[in-house]
Amino acid sequence: MAHASRADVPHVDIALRGCSFDFAFRLDQWPPVPLQLVRQAILILNLLTNKVSLWRDIQLVLPGSYKLLRSIPIDTAVDHLSSLTIDLQDWKEEEMDALNRIFKSARSLRKLTWSNRASWSSWDRSFDDFLCKMDISWGSLTHMVFDAWICLGDLLYVLNQCTNLVECDLRHFGGGFVTPGDCSKVPRLLLPELRTLSIYQLYLNTGLGSLLDSVQCPNLRSFTAICGFTDNVPWPQHQFLSFLEQSACSLNYLSFDYTGISEAELIECLSFTSHLTQLRISDGRGKIVASEKLLLALTHNQDRLPLCPNLETLYLELLISAPEGMLADMVDSRNAAQRGRSVKPIRRLGFTGSHSPTRKQDIQRLKNLVKKNGLALYVL
């Protein structure tokens, strides 16, 4: 391992593992960048290119406006390159030719992380058809992190080619709209290998529902939705349930973070996810409340199985408004049901409520379960 970490030089981490050559090169500065640093970056990038035939996992963080990608003169196949992270700040579309030289040579690429933005505080920059100009073997990708603004149309263009995609992380999903009439005419886009889908929207809009209308993921196991603001449109409950039904997938992990989903909608979602082993609901702004309805639905009794009988990890990072002791009753009931093996016990439980006087009995009883049954308890 070799590295340079002084503040006045580009940061480089290099690892040699057998026949592979991995490195992370970071010139993490916004313009203007001192000319001396640009010259040092060009020199280092040229030296790294000498090992291009051995590249396996590389990370590049560059100020794109200085056209530093042109300092990587690739004229041969990069047969071992399987993971590529590119973070371009103040990126210009003129860099596309230099990018495509890398992409054309990396036909074995499996993991791609892409990030670009126009200014330090902006994630909303897009370029007309720039994704269409990226010469990437989309069909070879198994993991994709898109840490940049992307609209629905561009996303569907990419996903239509990602037949082998296993994980997809959309960290700045923008807008877009597919009319109900369009959905009835066009078959859902099939993503047969996708197992993990994570979506972040700064402002919840119709783009999320339209995406759910457009894709089918029969092997999906993990779904995460995160929002920053939810004042524009309601949570797309009907479209989410339709997505689950059409995909016929068996979710193991479900996470909603400030999506605007109501307690009644959440209970309805859980009725479609009987294979769920992990559930996380977060709402730091206090708009979503878990009442006795949710806790009763998760409680096992002799008359019926609870929702999500395979649930083992539960995080309720929201306000719990229910009678004292009801949370502990729910956990107790599922532990008792373990004897019949029809319901799995809660192994990990996290919730907000350390400052609530109505949760003191719950906390004390749950602490006893920590000693008795090995429950992992996290009280925020």
Protein backbone atom coordinates (compact mmCIF):
# COMPACT_ATOMS: atom_id res chain seq x y z
CA MET A 1 0.00 0.00 0.00
CA ALA A 2 1.35 3.41 -1.00
CA HIS A 3 -0.36 6.69 -0.41
CA ALA A 4 0.09 10.44 -0.35
CA SER A 5 -2.15 12.38 2.04
CA ARG A 6 -0.74 15.88 2.30
CA ALA A 7 -3.34 18.57 1.75
CA ASP A 8 -1.33 20.24 -1.03
CA VAL A 9 -1.07 17.17 -3.29
CA PRO A 10 -3.58 14.80 -4.89
CA HIS A 11 -4.43 11.87 -2.61
CA VAL A 12 -3.58 8.42 -3.97
CA ASP A 13 -4.13 5.00 -2.39
CA ILE A 14 -2.61 2.03 -4.23
CA ALA A 15 -2.97 -1.67 -3.50
CA LEU A 16 -1.25 -4.54 -5.29
CA ARG A 17 -3.06 -7.87 -4.84
CA GLY A 18 -1.48 -10.65 -6.82
CA CYS A 19 -2.01 -9.83 -10.49
CA SER A 20 -4.47 -6.99 -9.80
CA PHE A 21 -3.79 -3.29 -9.35
CA ASP A 22 -6.32 -1.25 -7.36
CA PHE A 23 -6.13 2.45 -6.67
CA ALA A 24 -8.11 5.46 -5.52
CA PHE A 25 -7.07 8.85 -6.90
CA ARG A 26 -8.66 11.92 -5.31
CA LEU A 27 -8.23 15.54 -6.28
CA ASP A 28 -11.28 16.59 -4.31
CA GLN A 29 -11.31 20.33 -4.99
CA TRP A 30 -13.73 22.72 -6.58
CA PRO A 31 -12.40 25.23 -9.11
CA PRO A 32 -10.26 27.15 -9.17
CA VAL A 33 -7.62 24.45 -8.67
CA PRO A 34 -4.00 25.64 -8.41
CA LEU A 35 -2.06 24.91 -11.58
CA GLN A 36 0.59 23.08 -9.56
CA LEU A 37 -1.98 20.54 -8.38
CA VAL A 38 -3.27 20.04 -11.92
CA ARG A 39 0.27 19.31 -13.15
CA GLN A 40 0.87 16.87 -10.31
CA ALA A 41 -2.42 15.14 -11.07
CA ILE A 42 -1.52 14.73 -14.75
CA LEU A 43 1.85 13.24 -13.84
CA ILE A 44 0.34 10.76 -11.38
CA LEU A 45 -2.45 9.71 -13.73
CA ASN A 46 0.08 9.04 -16.48
CA LEU A 47 2.11 6.87 -14.11
CA LEU A 48 -0.98 4.92 -13.04
CA THR A 49 -1.80 4.24 -16.69
CA ASN A 50 1.40 2.21 -16.95
CA LYS A 51 -0.40 -0.53 -15.00
CA VAL A 52 -3.67 -0.26 -16.95
CA SER A 53 -3.64 -3.93 -17.99
CA LEU A 54 -3.81 -4.89 -14.29
CA TRP A 55 -6.53 -2.45 -13.18
CA ARG A 56 -9.28 -4.17 -11.22
CA ASP A 57 -10.93 -1.69 -8.83
CA ILE A 58 -10.31 2.03 -9.40
CA GLN A 59 -11.77 5.23 -7.97
CA LEU A 60 -11.36 8.64 -9.55
CA VAL A 61 -12.43 11.90 -7.87
CA LEU A 62 -11.59 14.78 -10.19
CA PRO A 63 -12.57 18.36 -11.04
CA GLY A 64 -13.98 17.54 -14.45
CA SER A 65 -13.60 21.01 -15.90
CA TYR A 66 -9.81 20.55 -16.06
CA LYS A 67 -10.13 17.62 -18.52
CA LEU A 68 -7.89 15.44 -16.38
CA LEU A 69 -9.47 12.29 -17.79
CA ARG A 70 -7.53 12.99 -20.98
CA SER A 71 -4.39 12.25 -18.95
CA ILE A 72 -5.33 8.58 -18.97
CA PRO A 73 -4.22 7.49 -22.46
CA ILE A 74 -5.84 4.06 -22.70
CA ASP A 75 -5.07 2.31 -25.97
CA THR A 76 -5.53 -1.31 -24.88
CA ALA A 77 -8.24 -3.46 -23.33
CA VAL A 78 -8.61 -3.25 -19.56
CA ASP A 79 -9.65 -6.86 -19.19
CA HIS A 80 -9.49 -7.05 -15.39
CA LEU A 81 -11.33 -3.80 -14.56
CA SER A 82 -14.48 -4.93 -12.74
CA SER A 83 -15.27 -1.97 -10.44
CA LEU A 84 -15.14 1.71 -11.42
CA THR A 85 -16.05 4.78 -9.35
CA ILE A 86 -16.01 8.15 -11.09
CA ASP A 87 -16.84 11.38 -9.26
CA LEU A 88 -16.53 14.45 -11.50
CA GLN A 89 -17.05 17.87 -9.98
CA ASP A 90 -17.93 20.80 -12.23
CA TRP A 91 -18.18 18.27 -15.04
CA LYS A 92 -18.45 19.34 -18.66
CA GLU A 93 -19.94 17.16 -21.36
CA GLU A 94 -16.75 17.68 -23.37
CA GLU A 95 -15.22 15.03 -21.10
CA MET A 96 -17.39 12.36 -22.77
CA ASP A 97 -14.76 11.30 -25.32
CA ALA A 98 -12.19 10.71 -22.59
CA LEU A 99 -14.76 8.82 -20.50
CA ASN A 100 -15.71 6.61 -23.42
CA ARG A 101 -12.10 5.61 -23.96
CA ILE A 102 -12.23 4.08 -20.48
CA PHE A 103 -15.68 2.55 -20.94
CA LYS A 104 -14.86 1.01 -24.34
CA SER A 105 -11.80 -0.66 -22.84
CA ALA A 106 -13.62 -1.95 -19.76
CA ARG A 107 -15.94 -4.55 -21.23
CA SER A 108 -15.67 -6.69 -18.07
CA LEU A 109 -17.02 -3.89 -15.87
CA ARG A 110 -19.49 -5.17 -13.27
CA LYS A 111 -19.76 -2.40 -10.69
CA LEU A 112 -20.21 1.27 -11.62
CA THR A 113 -20.56 4.26 -9.29
CA TRP A 114 -21.20 7.51 -11.14
CA SER A 115 -21.35 10.99 -9.63
CA ASN A 116 -21.35 14.41 -11.24
CA ARG A 117 -22.56 17.85 -10.27
CA ALA A 118 -22.24 21.38 -11.50
CA SER A 119 -21.46 23.16 -8.24
CA TRP A 120 -20.64 22.38 -4.65
CA SER A 121 -24.28 22.56 -3.51
CA SER A 122 -26.06 21.28 -6.62
CA TRP A 123 -27.21 17.80 -7.59
CA ASP A 124 -29.73 18.85 -10.23
CA ARG A 125 -27.54 19.13 -13.29
CA SER A 126 -28.44 17.04 -16.30
CA PHE A 127 -27.26 16.99 -19.89
CA ASP A 128 -29.46 16.27 -22.88
CA ASP A 129 -29.03 12.63 -23.87
CA PHE A 130 -25.62 12.38 -22.20
CA LEU A 131 -26.43 8.88 -20.94
CA CYS A 132 -27.14 7.82 -24.51
CA LYS A 133 -23.62 8.93 -25.40
CA MET A 134 -21.93 6.91 -22.66
CA ASP A 135 -20.42 3.84 -24.29
CA ILE A 136 -20.96 1.51 -21.33
CA SER A 137 -21.69 -2.20 -21.53
CA TRP A 138 -24.85 -1.74 -19.45
CA GLY A 139 -25.81 -5.37 -19.93
CA SER A 140 -22.67 -6.51 -18.08
CA LEU A 141 -23.31 -4.41 -14.97
CA THR A 142 -24.41 -6.19 -11.81
CA HIS A 143 -24.12 -3.23 -9.39
CA MET A 144 -24.92 0.41 -10.15
CA VAL A 145 -24.78 3.43 -7.86
CA PHE A 146 -26.06 6.60 -9.52
CA ASP A 147 -24.99 9.40 -7.18
CA ALA A 148 -26.21 12.10 -9.56
CA TRP A 149 -29.50 13.58 -10.66
CA ILE A 150 -31.32 11.33 -13.11
CA CYS A 151 -34.82 11.70 -14.53
CA LEU A 152 -37.28 8.90 -15.19
CA GLY A 153 -36.75 8.80 -18.95
CA ASP A 154 -32.96 8.48 -18.68
CA LEU A 155 -33.30 5.91 -15.92
CA LEU A 156 -35.62 3.70 -17.96
CA TYR A 157 -33.22 4.00 -20.92
CA VAL A 158 -30.44 2.62 -18.72
CA LEU A 159 -32.49 -0.04 -16.93
CA ASN A 160 -33.80 -1.37 -20.24
CA GLN A 161 -30.23 -2.48 -20.99
CA CYS A 162 -29.29 -3.66 -17.47
CA THR A 163 -30.57 -7.21 -17.78
CA ASN A 164 -28.03 -8.56 -15.26
CA LEU A 165 -28.37 -5.82 -12.65
CA VAL A 166 -28.40 -7.16 -9.07
CA GLU A 167 -28.16 -3.94 -7.01
CA CYS A 168 -29.34 -0.45 -7.96
CA ASP A 169 -28.85 2.59 -5.72
CA LEU A 170 -30.44 5.85 -6.99
CA ARG A 171 -29.28 8.63 -4.70
CA HIS A 172 -30.79 11.60 -6.57
CA PHE A 173 -33.80 10.34 -8.50
CA GLY A 174 -35.55 13.27 -10.14
CA GLY A 175 -38.94 13.53 -11.74
CA GLY A 176 -40.82 12.18 -14.68
CA PHE A 177 -44.26 10.89 -15.41
CA VAL A 178 -45.76 7.89 -17.15
CA THR A 179 -49.51 8.19 -17.78
CA PRO A 180 -51.80 5.31 -16.83
CA GLY A 181 -52.61 4.95 -20.53
CA ASP A 182 -48.93 4.48 -21.34
CA CYS A 183 -48.58 1.87 -18.63
CA SER A 184 -51.44 -0.17 -20.06
CA LYS A 185 -49.90 -0.12 -23.55
CA VAL A 186 -46.27 -0.81 -22.65
CA PRO A 187 -45.23 -4.02 -20.83
CA ARG A 188 -43.40 -3.53 -17.57
CA LEU A 189 -39.64 -3.48 -17.91
CA LEU A 190 -38.37 -6.81 -16.57
CA LEU A 191 -35.31 -6.74 -14.30
CA PRO A 192 -34.94 -10.46 -13.66
CA GLU A 193 -31.81 -10.39 -11.48
CA LEU A 194 -32.44 -7.25 -9.41
CA ARG A 195 -32.36 -8.04 -5.69
CA THR A 196 -31.73 -4.63 -4.08
CA LEU A 197 -33.37 -1.31 -5.03
CA SER A 198 -32.73 1.91 -3.08
CA ILE A 199 -34.29 5.23 -4.11
CA TYR A 200 -33.81 8.73 -2.69
CA GLN A 201 -35.95 11.70 -3.75
CA LEU A 202 -35.31 15.13 -2.33
CA TYR A 203 -38.93 16.05 -3.07
CA LEU A 204 -41.37 13.16 -3.34
CA ASN A 205 -43.02 13.47 -6.75
CA THR A 206 -44.90 11.42 -9.32
CA GLY A 207 -41.61 10.07 -10.69
CA LEU A 208 -41.47 7.43 -7.94
CA GLY A 209 -44.91 6.07 -8.71
CA SER A 210 -44.19 6.12 -12.44
CA LEU A 211 -40.99 4.15 -11.91
CA LEU A 212 -42.91 1.54 -9.90
CA ASP A 213 -45.46 1.39 -12.72
CA SER A 214 -42.69 0.74 -15.23
CA VAL A 215 -40.60 -2.07 -13.75
CA GLN A 216 -41.07 -5.66 -12.67
CA CYS A 217 -38.54 -7.28 -10.30
CA PRO A 218 -39.42 -10.90 -9.51
CA ASN A 219 -36.24 -11.54 -7.48
CA LEU A 220 -36.27 -8.32 -5.47
CA ARG A 221 -35.35 -8.93 -1.83
CA SER A 222 -34.59 -5.43 -0.51
CA PHE A 223 -36.46 -2.16 -1.10
CA THR A 224 -35.59 1.24 0.41
CA ALA A 225 -37.37 4.55 -0.19
CA ILE A 226 -36.06 7.80 1.32
CA CYS A 227 -37.42 11.33 0.89
CA GLY A 228 -36.37 14.77 2.01
CA PHE A 229 -39.73 16.54 1.67
CA THR A 230 -43.22 15.09 1.14
CA ASP A 231 -45.47 18.11 0.71
CA ASN A 232 -45.95 17.89 -3.06
CA VAL A 233 -47.69 14.55 -3.61
CA PRO A 234 -48.94 11.69 -1.40
CA TRP A 235 -47.06 8.44 -1.00
CA PRO A 236 -47.86 6.30 -4.14
CA GLN A 237 -49.52 3.50 -2.19
CA HIS A 238 -51.52 1.97 -5.04
CA GLN A 239 -48.51 1.93 -7.36
CA PHE A 240 -46.25 0.39 -4.73
CA LEU A 241 -48.72 -2.41 -3.98
CA SER A 242 -49.24 -3.00 -7.69
CA PHE A 243 -45.46 -3.19 -8.12
CA LEU A 244 -45.23 -5.84 -5.39
CA GLU A 245 -48.13 -7.80 -6.84
CA GLN A 246 -46.89 -7.67 -10.44
CA SER A 247 -43.34 -8.54 -9.42
CA ALA A 248 -44.51 -11.39 -7.17
CA CYS A 249 -41.28 -10.87 -5.23
CA SER A 250 -40.47 -12.05 -1.72
CA LEU A 251 -39.05 -9.04 0.10
CA ASN A 252 -36.76 -9.74 3.06
CA TYR A 253 -35.88 -6.10 3.83
CA LEU A 254 -38.17 -3.05 3.69
CA SER A 255 -37.22 0.47 4.72
CA PHE A 256 -39.24 3.69 4.55
CA ASP A 257 -37.51 6.89 5.65
CA TYR A 258 -39.77 9.95 5.77
CA THR A 259 -41.83 8.91 2.74
CA GLY A 260 -45.17 10.22 3.97
CA ILE A 261 -46.64 6.72 4.22
CA SER A 262 -49.40 6.50 6.82
CA GLU A 263 -49.81 3.82 9.47
CA ALA A 264 -52.79 2.31 7.64
CA GLU A 265 -50.83 2.22 4.38
CA LEU A 266 -47.87 0.64 6.13
CA ILE A 267 -50.04 -2.13 7.58
CA GLU A 268 -51.45 -2.75 4.10
CA CYS A 269 -47.90 -3.01 2.69
CA LEU A 270 -46.94 -5.52 5.36
CA SER A 271 -49.81 -7.77 4.32
CA PHE A 272 -48.02 -8.14 0.96
CA THR A 273 -44.63 -8.96 2.50
CA SER A 274 -45.01 -12.13 4.55
CA HIS A 275 -41.37 -13.14 3.94
CA LEU A 276 -40.03 -9.95 5.52
CA THR A 277 -37.21 -10.48 8.03
CA GLN A 278 -36.16 -6.81 8.50
CA LEU A 279 -38.37 -3.72 8.72
CA ARG A 280 -37.19 -0.15 9.27
CA ILE A 281 -39.55 2.84 9.50
CA SER A 282 -38.06 6.26 10.16
CA ASP A 283 -39.64 9.68 10.46
CA GLY A 284 -37.51 12.20 12.26
CA ARG A 285 -40.09 14.95 11.74
CA GLY A 286 -42.82 13.32 13.78
CA LYS A 287 -45.49 13.19 11.06
CA ILE A 288 -45.94 9.41 11.17
CA VAL A 289 -47.23 7.81 14.35
CA ALA A 290 -47.29 4.11 15.19
CA SER A 291 -50.38 3.45 17.28
CA GLU A 292 -51.80 0.28 18.79
CA LYS A 293 -53.05 -0.66 15.28
CA LEU A 294 -49.56 -1.41 14.02
CA LEU A 295 -48.48 -3.12 17.24
CA LEU A 296 -51.62 -5.29 17.28
CA ALA A 297 -51.05 -6.28 13.65
CA LEU A 298 -47.56 -7.47 14.60
CA THR A 299 -48.71 -9.23 17.79
CA HIS A 300 -49.22 -12.99 17.73
CA ASN A 301 -52.29 -14.53 19.33
CA GLN A 302 -54.06 -17.90 19.23
CA ASP A 303 -56.63 -16.78 16.68
CA ARG A 304 -54.30 -15.63 13.90
CA LEU A 305 -50.73 -15.25 12.79
CA PRO A 306 -49.29 -11.74 13.00
CA LEU A 307 -48.21 -9.77 9.98
CA CYS A 308 -44.65 -10.59 8.87
CA PRO A 309 -44.30 -13.86 10.84
CA ASN A 310 -40.63 -14.14 9.76
CA LEU A 311 -39.69 -10.69 11.10
CA GLU A 312 -36.52 -10.73 13.20
CA THR A 313 -35.27 -7.12 13.01
CA LEU A 314 -37.58 -4.15 13.68
CA TYR A 315 -36.62 -0.47 13.86
CA LEU A 316 -39.37 2.05 14.57
CA GLU A 317 -37.62 5.41 14.51
CA LEU A 318 -40.88 7.32 14.86
CA LEU A 319 -43.34 8.38 17.53
CA ILE A 320 -45.09 5.41 19.16
CA SER A 321 -48.53 6.36 20.47
CA ALA A 322 -49.86 3.23 22.13
CA PRO A 323 -50.80 2.09 25.64
CA GLU A 324 -47.90 1.45 27.98
CA GLY A 325 -46.51 -2.07 27.76
CA MET A 326 -48.01 -2.81 24.34
CA LEU A 327 -44.65 -2.77 22.56
CA ALA A 328 -43.24 -5.31 25.01
CA ASP A 329 -46.43 -7.38 24.68
CA MET A 330 -45.85 -7.62 20.94
CA VAL A 331 -42.25 -8.82 21.36
CA ASP A 332 -43.28 -11.26 24.12
CA SER A 333 -46.05 -12.77 21.99
CA ARG A 334 -43.68 -13.52 19.13
CA ASN A 335 -41.09 -15.04 21.45
CA ALA A 336 -43.74 -17.33 22.95
CA ALA A 337 -44.89 -18.37 19.48
CA GLN A 338 -41.38 -19.62 18.73
CA ARG A 339 -42.18 -22.84 20.53
CA GLY A 340 -44.59 -23.74 17.75
CA ARG A 341 -42.16 -22.43 15.12
CA SER A 342 -44.96 -20.61 13.31
CA VAL A 343 -43.57 -17.17 14.14
CA LYS A 344 -39.95 -16.11 14.46
CA PRO A 345 -38.93 -14.10 17.54
CA ILE A 346 -37.78 -10.49 17.34
CA ARG A 347 -33.98 -10.65 17.65
CA ARG A 348 -33.19 -6.95 17.18
CA LEU A 349 -35.46 -4.08 18.20
CA GLY A 350 -34.85 -0.36 17.94
CA PHE A 351 -37.28 2.46 18.69
CA THR A 352 -37.47 6.04 19.84
CA GLY A 353 -38.89 6.59 23.26
CA SER A 354 -36.17 6.85 25.88
CA HIS A 355 -37.62 10.23 26.99
CA SER A 356 -41.27 9.17 26.89
CA PRO A 357 -42.82 8.43 30.32
CA THR A 358 -45.29 6.01 28.67
CA ARG A 359 -42.45 3.80 27.45
CA LYS A 360 -40.77 3.16 30.83
CA GLN A 361 -42.61 -0.12 31.40
CA ASP A 362 -41.83 -1.26 27.86
CA ILE A 363 -38.15 -0.47 28.27
CA GLN A 364 -37.86 -2.30 31.59
CA ARG A 365 -39.60 -5.42 30.28
CA LEU A 366 -37.54 -5.37 27.08
CA LYS A 367 -34.34 -5.10 29.09
CA ASN A 368 -35.37 -8.29 30.87
CA LEU A 369 -35.71 -9.95 27.46
CA VAL A 370 -32.17 -8.85 26.67
CA LYS A 371 -30.95 -10.93 29.59
CA LYS A 372 -33.40 -13.78 29.12
CA ASN A 373 -33.56 -14.28 25.35
CA GLY A 374 -30.57 -12.35 24.00
CA LEU A 375 -32.68 -9.59 22.45
CA ALA A 376 -30.55 -6.82 20.93
CA LEU A 377 -32.24 -3.60 22.09
CA TYR A 378 -31.59 -0.06 20.84
CA VAL A 379 -33.54 2.77 22.45
CA LEU A 380 -33.00 6.20 20.89
